[in-house]
Amino acid sequence: MTRKLPALSICDFTLFVEPGRGAMTEQSAIDAAVKRLALALDALDAAVERRRDNDRDEDALAQQLQELGTDRSRLAAALDGETARSRRLEATNHEIAQRLDTAIASIQTVLAAHGEG
């Protein structure tokens, strides 16, 4: 009864040795190693490409975040300006209302004086 025993395990590839027969040939071991290396390089290339895509996405998000910050600052400044303008308009409106009340009271006084006299 001959039994295969695991002698080497690399990258999910196991080299079996049969007692009395020896290991796989040197050329077939090299070919298998080259295939594993090619697969590993392909996987590395795919991982690098995914990382580049993620980096580009992060850069795009960072740019959008910066643009949003700039827009926020611009809008905050515009809001501050409009708030100040609104307060000036309210103050002017109040002053005009007081002048109108004074004018109405004066007119009513003049009308009352001419109506009684």
N, C-alpha and C. Protein backbone atom coordinates (compact mmCIF):
# COMPACT_ATOMS: atom_id res chain seq x y z
N MET A 1 0.85 -1.18 0.00
CA MET A 1 0.00 0.00 0.00
C MET A 1 0.89 1.24 0.00
N THR A 2 0.74 2.06 -1.03
CA THR A 2 1.50 3.30 -1.11
C THR A 2 0.59 4.44 -0.70
N ARG A 3 1.17 5.35 0.06
CA ARG A 3 0.39 6.46 0.58
C ARG A 3 1.08 7.77 0.22
N LYS A 4 0.29 8.75 -0.26
CA LYS A 4 0.83 10.07 -0.57
C LYS A 4 0.85 10.88 0.71
N LEU A 5 1.94 11.57 0.95
CA LEU A 5 2.08 12.41 2.13
C LEU A 5 2.28 13.86 1.70
N PRO A 6 1.60 14.81 2.32
CA PRO A 6 1.85 16.21 1.95
C PRO A 6 3.25 16.62 2.39
N ALA A 7 4.00 17.21 1.44
CA ALA A 7 5.35 17.64 1.73
C ALA A 7 5.44 19.16 1.76
N LEU A 8 4.64 19.86 0.97
CA LEU A 8 4.77 21.31 0.86
C LEU A 8 3.42 21.89 0.52
N SER A 9 3.05 23.02 1.14
CA SER A 9 1.77 23.67 0.84
C SER A 9 2.01 25.17 0.70
N ILE A 10 1.79 25.70 -0.51
CA ILE A 10 1.96 27.12 -0.78
C ILE A 10 0.79 27.58 -1.63
N CYS A 11 0.13 28.64 -1.20
CA CYS A 11 -0.96 29.25 -1.98
C CYS A 11 -2.00 28.22 -2.41
N ASP A 12 -2.47 27.43 -1.50
CA ASP A 12 -3.48 26.41 -1.77
C ASP A 12 -3.01 25.37 -2.78
N PHE A 13 -1.74 25.20 -2.96
CA PHE A 13 -1.19 24.18 -3.85
C PHE A 13 -0.38 23.24 -3.00
N THR A 14 -0.68 21.96 -3.06
CA THR A 14 0.03 20.98 -2.24
C THR A 14 0.82 20.06 -3.14
N LEU A 15 2.08 19.87 -2.81
CA LEU A 15 2.97 18.97 -3.54
C LEU A 15 3.00 17.66 -2.78
N PHE A 16 2.62 16.60 -3.43
CA PHE A 16 2.60 15.30 -2.78
C PHE A 16 3.83 14.50 -3.17
N VAL A 17 4.33 13.74 -2.23
CA VAL A 17 5.49 12.86 -2.46
C VAL A 17 5.03 11.44 -2.21
N GLU A 18 5.30 10.59 -3.19
CA GLU A 18 5.01 9.17 -2.99
C GLU A 18 6.29 8.49 -2.56
N PRO A 19 6.22 7.70 -1.52
CA PRO A 19 7.42 6.99 -1.11
C PRO A 19 7.93 6.12 -2.25
N GLY A 20 9.22 6.26 -2.55
CA GLY A 20 9.83 5.47 -3.60
C GLY A 20 9.74 6.09 -4.98
N ARG A 21 8.91 7.12 -5.20
CA ARG A 21 8.76 7.71 -6.54
C ARG A 21 9.33 9.11 -6.61
N GLY A 22 9.45 9.83 -5.50
CA GLY A 22 9.99 11.18 -5.49
C GLY A 22 8.92 12.22 -5.73
N ALA A 23 9.35 13.45 -5.78
CA ALA A 23 8.43 14.58 -5.95
C ALA A 23 8.15 14.80 -7.42
N MET A 24 7.29 15.80 -7.73
CA MET A 24 7.03 16.14 -9.12
C MET A 24 8.32 16.62 -9.76
N THR A 25 8.36 16.61 -11.07
CA THR A 25 9.59 17.01 -11.75
C THR A 25 9.87 18.47 -11.48
N GLU A 26 11.10 18.83 -11.64
CA GLU A 26 11.51 20.21 -11.38
C GLU A 26 10.80 21.17 -12.31
N GLN A 27 10.65 20.80 -13.59
CA GLN A 27 10.00 21.68 -14.56
C GLN A 27 8.52 21.85 -14.23
N SER A 28 7.84 20.79 -13.85
CA SER A 28 6.42 20.91 -13.53
C SER A 28 6.23 21.74 -12.26
N ALA A 29 7.15 21.63 -11.30
CA ALA A 29 7.08 22.45 -10.09
C ALA A 29 7.28 23.91 -10.44
N ILE A 30 8.21 24.20 -11.34
CA ILE A 30 8.45 25.59 -11.77
C ILE A 30 7.23 26.12 -12.51
N ASP A 31 6.65 25.29 -13.40
CA ASP A 31 5.45 25.72 -14.14
C ASP A 31 4.30 26.03 -13.19
N ALA A 32 4.13 25.17 -12.19
CA ALA A 32 3.06 25.40 -11.22
C ALA A 32 3.33 26.67 -10.42
N ALA A 33 4.58 26.90 -10.05
CA ALA A 33 4.93 28.11 -9.31
C ALA A 33 4.71 29.36 -10.16
N VAL A 34 5.05 29.29 -11.44
CA VAL A 34 4.84 30.42 -12.35
C VAL A 34 3.34 30.72 -12.48
N LYS A 35 2.52 29.66 -12.57
CA LYS A 35 1.08 29.86 -12.66
C LYS A 35 0.55 30.53 -11.39
N ARG A 36 1.01 30.05 -10.23
CA ARG A 36 0.59 30.66 -8.97
C ARG A 36 1.03 32.11 -8.89
N LEU A 37 2.26 32.39 -9.33
CA LEU A 37 2.77 33.76 -9.33
C LEU A 37 1.93 34.64 -10.25
N ALA A 38 1.59 34.15 -11.44
CA ALA A 38 0.76 34.92 -12.37
C ALA A 38 -0.60 35.23 -11.76
N LEU A 39 -1.20 34.23 -11.10
CA LEU A 39 -2.50 34.45 -10.45
C LEU A 39 -2.37 35.47 -9.32
N ALA A 40 -1.30 35.37 -8.56
CA ALA A 40 -1.08 36.32 -7.46
C ALA A 40 -0.87 37.73 -8.00
N LEU A 41 -0.14 37.87 -9.10
CA LEU A 41 0.08 39.19 -9.71
C LEU A 41 -1.22 39.75 -10.26
N ASP A 42 -2.05 38.89 -10.86
CA ASP A 42 -3.35 39.35 -11.35
C ASP A 42 -4.22 39.84 -10.19
N ALA A 43 -4.19 39.11 -9.09
CA ALA A 43 -4.97 39.52 -7.92
C ALA A 43 -4.43 40.84 -7.36
N LEU A 44 -3.10 40.99 -7.36
CA LEU A 44 -2.49 42.23 -6.89
C LEU A 44 -2.88 43.40 -7.79
N ASP A 45 -2.84 43.19 -9.10
CA ASP A 45 -3.25 44.24 -10.05
C ASP A 45 -4.70 44.65 -9.81
N ALA A 46 -5.56 43.66 -9.59
CA ALA A 46 -6.97 43.98 -9.34
C ALA A 46 -7.12 44.77 -8.04
N ALA A 47 -6.37 44.38 -7.01
CA ALA A 47 -6.44 45.10 -5.73
C ALA A 47 -5.93 46.53 -5.88
N VAL A 48 -4.86 46.71 -6.64
CA VAL A 48 -4.31 48.05 -6.86
C VAL A 48 -5.32 48.91 -7.61
N GLU A 49 -5.98 48.33 -8.61
CA GLU A 49 -6.98 49.09 -9.38
C GLU A 49 -8.16 49.48 -8.50
N ARG A 50 -8.61 48.55 -7.64
CA ARG A 50 -9.69 48.88 -6.71
C ARG A 50 -9.26 50.01 -5.78
N ARG A 51 -8.02 49.96 -5.32
CA ARG A 51 -7.52 51.01 -4.42
C ARG A 51 -7.47 52.35 -5.14
N ARG A 52 -7.02 52.34 -6.40
CA ARG A 52 -7.00 53.59 -7.18
C ARG A 52 -8.40 54.15 -7.34
N ASP A 53 -9.35 53.27 -7.63
CA ASP A 53 -10.74 53.72 -7.77
C ASP A 53 -11.24 54.32 -6.46
N ASN A 54 -10.94 53.65 -5.36
CA ASN A 54 -11.35 54.17 -4.05
C ASN A 54 -10.68 55.52 -3.76
N ASP A 55 -9.40 55.64 -4.11
CA ASP A 55 -8.70 56.91 -3.89
C ASP A 55 -9.31 58.02 -4.72
N ARG A 56 -9.66 57.70 -5.99
CA ARG A 56 -10.31 58.70 -6.84
C ARG A 56 -11.65 59.11 -6.24
N ASP A 57 -12.40 58.12 -5.75
CA ASP A 57 -13.69 58.43 -5.12
C ASP A 57 -13.49 59.30 -3.89
N GLU A 58 -12.48 58.98 -3.09
CA GLU A 58 -12.21 59.80 -1.89
C GLU A 58 -11.79 61.21 -2.28
N ASP A 59 -10.98 61.33 -3.33
CA ASP A 59 -10.57 62.66 -3.79
C ASP A 59 -11.77 63.46 -4.27
N ALA A 60 -12.67 62.79 -4.99
CA ALA A 60 -13.87 63.47 -5.48
C ALA A 60 -14.75 63.91 -4.31
N LEU A 61 -14.89 63.05 -3.32
CA LEU A 61 -15.68 63.42 -2.14
C LEU A 61 -15.04 64.57 -1.37
N ALA A 62 -13.72 64.54 -1.26
CA ALA A 62 -13.02 65.62 -0.56
C ALA A 62 -13.23 66.94 -1.31
N GLN A 63 -13.17 66.88 -2.64
CA GLN A 63 -13.39 68.09 -3.45
C GLN A 63 -14.81 68.61 -3.26
N GLN A 64 -15.79 67.69 -3.28
CA GLN A 64 -17.18 68.10 -3.07
C GLN A 64 -17.37 68.70 -1.68
N LEU A 65 -16.73 68.10 -0.68
CA LEU A 65 -16.83 68.62 0.68
C LEU A 65 -16.24 70.03 0.76
N GLN A 66 -15.11 70.24 0.09
CA GLN A 66 -14.50 71.57 0.08
C GLN A 66 -15.42 72.57 -0.62
N GLU A 67 -16.02 72.16 -1.73
CA GLU A 67 -16.94 73.05 -2.44
C GLU A 67 -18.17 73.37 -1.59
N LEU A 68 -18.67 72.37 -0.87
CA LEU A 68 -19.81 72.61 0.02
C LEU A 68 -19.43 73.58 1.14
N GLY A 69 -18.22 73.45 1.66
CA GLY A 69 -17.76 74.38 2.69
C GLY A 69 -17.66 75.79 2.16
N THR A 70 -17.16 75.92 0.94
CA THR A 70 -17.06 77.24 0.30
C THR A 70 -18.46 77.82 0.09
N ASP A 71 -19.38 76.99 -0.42
CA ASP A 71 -20.76 77.46 -0.61
C ASP A 71 -21.40 77.86 0.70
N ARG A 72 -21.16 77.08 1.75
CA ARG A 72 -21.71 77.40 3.06
C ARG A 72 -21.20 78.75 3.54
N SER A 73 -19.91 78.98 3.38
CA SER A 73 -19.34 80.26 3.81
C SER A 73 -19.95 81.42 3.01
N ARG A 74 -20.07 81.22 1.70
CA ARG A 74 -20.65 82.26 0.85
C ARG A 74 -22.09 82.52 1.24
N LEU A 75 -22.86 81.46 1.47
CA LEU A 75 -24.27 81.62 1.85
C LEU A 75 -24.40 82.25 3.24
N ALA A 76 -23.52 81.90 4.15
CA ALA A 76 -23.56 82.50 5.50
C ALA A 76 -23.29 84.00 5.41
N ALA A 77 -22.32 84.39 4.58
CA ALA A 77 -22.02 85.82 4.41
C ALA A 77 -23.22 86.53 3.77
N ALA A 78 -23.83 85.89 2.77
CA ALA A 78 -25.00 86.50 2.12
C ALA A 78 -26.15 86.63 3.11
N LEU A 79 -26.35 85.61 3.94
CA LEU A 79 -27.41 85.66 4.95
C LEU A 79 -27.15 86.78 5.95
N ASP A 80 -25.90 86.92 6.38
CA ASP A 80 -25.57 88.01 7.31
C ASP A 80 -25.88 89.36 6.68
N GLY A 81 -25.53 89.52 5.41
CA GLY A 81 -25.81 90.78 4.71
C GLY A 81 -27.30 91.05 4.60
N GLU A 82 -28.07 90.01 4.27
CA GLU A 82 -29.52 90.18 4.14
C GLU A 82 -30.17 90.42 5.49
N THR A 83 -29.64 89.81 6.54
CA THR A 83 -30.17 90.05 7.89
C THR A 83 -29.95 91.51 8.29
N ALA A 84 -28.76 92.03 8.02
CA ALA A 84 -28.47 93.44 8.33
C ALA A 84 -29.38 94.35 7.51
N ARG A 85 -29.58 94.02 6.24
CA ARG A 85 -30.45 94.83 5.37
C ARG A 85 -31.88 94.80 5.90
N SER A 86 -32.34 93.63 6.33
CA SER A 86 -33.69 93.50 6.87
C SER A 86 -33.86 94.35 8.13
N ARG A 87 -32.85 94.34 8.97
CA ARG A 87 -32.93 95.16 10.19
C ARG A 87 -32.98 96.65 9.86
N ARG A 88 -32.17 97.06 8.86
CA ARG A 88 -32.21 98.48 8.44
C ARG A 88 -33.59 98.83 7.89
N LEU A 89 -34.17 97.93 7.09
CA LEU A 89 -35.50 98.19 6.54
C LEU A 89 -36.55 98.26 7.64
N GLU A 90 -36.45 97.38 8.65
CA GLU A 90 -37.39 97.43 9.77
C GLU A 90 -37.26 98.75 10.54
N ALA A 91 -36.03 99.19 10.75
CA ALA A 91 -35.82 100.47 11.46
C ALA A 91 -36.38 101.62 10.64
N THR A 92 -36.14 101.61 9.35
CA THR A 92 -36.66 102.67 8.47
C THR A 92 -38.19 102.64 8.46
N ASN A 93 -38.75 101.43 8.39
CA ASN A 93 -40.21 101.29 8.40
C ASN A 93 -40.79 101.85 9.70
N HIS A 94 -40.13 101.55 10.81
CA HIS A 94 -40.60 102.06 12.11
C HIS A 94 -40.54 103.59 12.14
N GLU A 95 -39.44 104.15 11.65
CA GLU A 95 -39.30 105.61 11.62
C GLU A 95 -40.36 106.24 10.74
N ILE A 96 -40.62 105.64 9.58
CA ILE A 96 -41.65 106.18 8.67
C ILE A 96 -43.03 106.09 9.33
N ALA A 97 -43.30 104.99 10.01
CA ALA A 97 -44.60 104.84 10.69
C ALA A 97 -44.77 105.92 11.75
N GLN A 98 -43.70 106.21 12.49
CA GLN A 98 -43.79 107.28 13.50
C GLN A 98 -44.03 108.62 12.84
N ARG A 99 -43.36 108.92 11.73
CA ARG A 99 -43.56 110.20 11.03
C ARG A 99 -44.98 110.30 10.50
N LEU A 100 -45.49 109.16 9.96
CA LEU A 100 -46.87 109.17 9.46
C LEU A 100 -47.86 109.43 10.60
N ASP A 101 -47.60 108.78 11.73
CA ASP A 101 -48.49 109.02 12.89
C ASP A 101 -48.45 110.48 13.31
N THR A 102 -47.27 111.08 13.32
CA THR A 102 -47.14 112.50 13.67
C THR A 102 -47.85 113.38 12.65
N ALA A 103 -47.69 113.05 11.36
CA ALA A 103 -48.35 113.84 10.31
C ALA A 103 -49.86 113.71 10.40
N ILE A 104 -50.34 112.50 10.63
CA ILE A 104 -51.79 112.29 10.75
C ILE A 104 -52.34 113.07 11.95
N ALA A 105 -51.61 113.03 13.04
CA ALA A 105 -52.06 113.78 14.23
C ALA A 105 -52.07 115.28 13.95
N SER A 106 -51.07 115.77 13.23
CA SER A 106 -51.03 117.21 12.88
C SER A 106 -52.19 117.57 11.97
N ILE A 107 -52.44 116.73 10.98
CA ILE A 107 -53.55 117.00 10.05
C ILE A 107 -54.87 116.98 10.80
N GLN A 108 -55.03 116.00 11.68
CA GLN A 108 -56.28 115.94 12.46
C GLN A 108 -56.43 117.18 13.35
N THR A 109 -55.33 117.68 13.89
CA THR A 109 -55.37 118.87 14.73
C THR A 109 -55.78 120.08 13.89
N VAL A 110 -55.20 120.20 12.69
CA VAL A 110 -55.53 121.34 11.81
C VAL A 110 -56.97 121.24 11.39
N LEU A 111 -57.42 120.06 10.99
CA LEU A 111 -58.83 119.90 10.59
C LEU A 111 -59.79 120.19 11.73
N ALA A 112 -59.41 119.75 12.88
CA ALA A 112 -60.28 119.99 14.05
C ALA A 112 -60.33 121.50 14.38
N ALA A 113 -59.19 122.19 14.22
CA ALA A 113 -59.16 123.63 14.52
C ALA A 113 -59.99 124.38 13.47
N HIS A 114 -59.96 124.00 12.23
CA HIS A 114 -60.75 124.70 11.22
C HIS A 114 -62.20 124.31 11.25
N GLY A 115 -62.46 123.15 11.70
CA GLY A 115 -63.84 122.70 11.81
C GLY A 115 -64.55 123.36 12.99
N GLU A 116 -63.82 123.69 14.02
CA GLU A 116 -64.43 124.30 15.20
C GLU A 116 -64.49 125.82 15.05
N GLY A 117 -63.62 126.37 14.26
CA GLY A 117 -63.58 127.83 14.23
C GLY A 117 -64.45 128.47 13.27
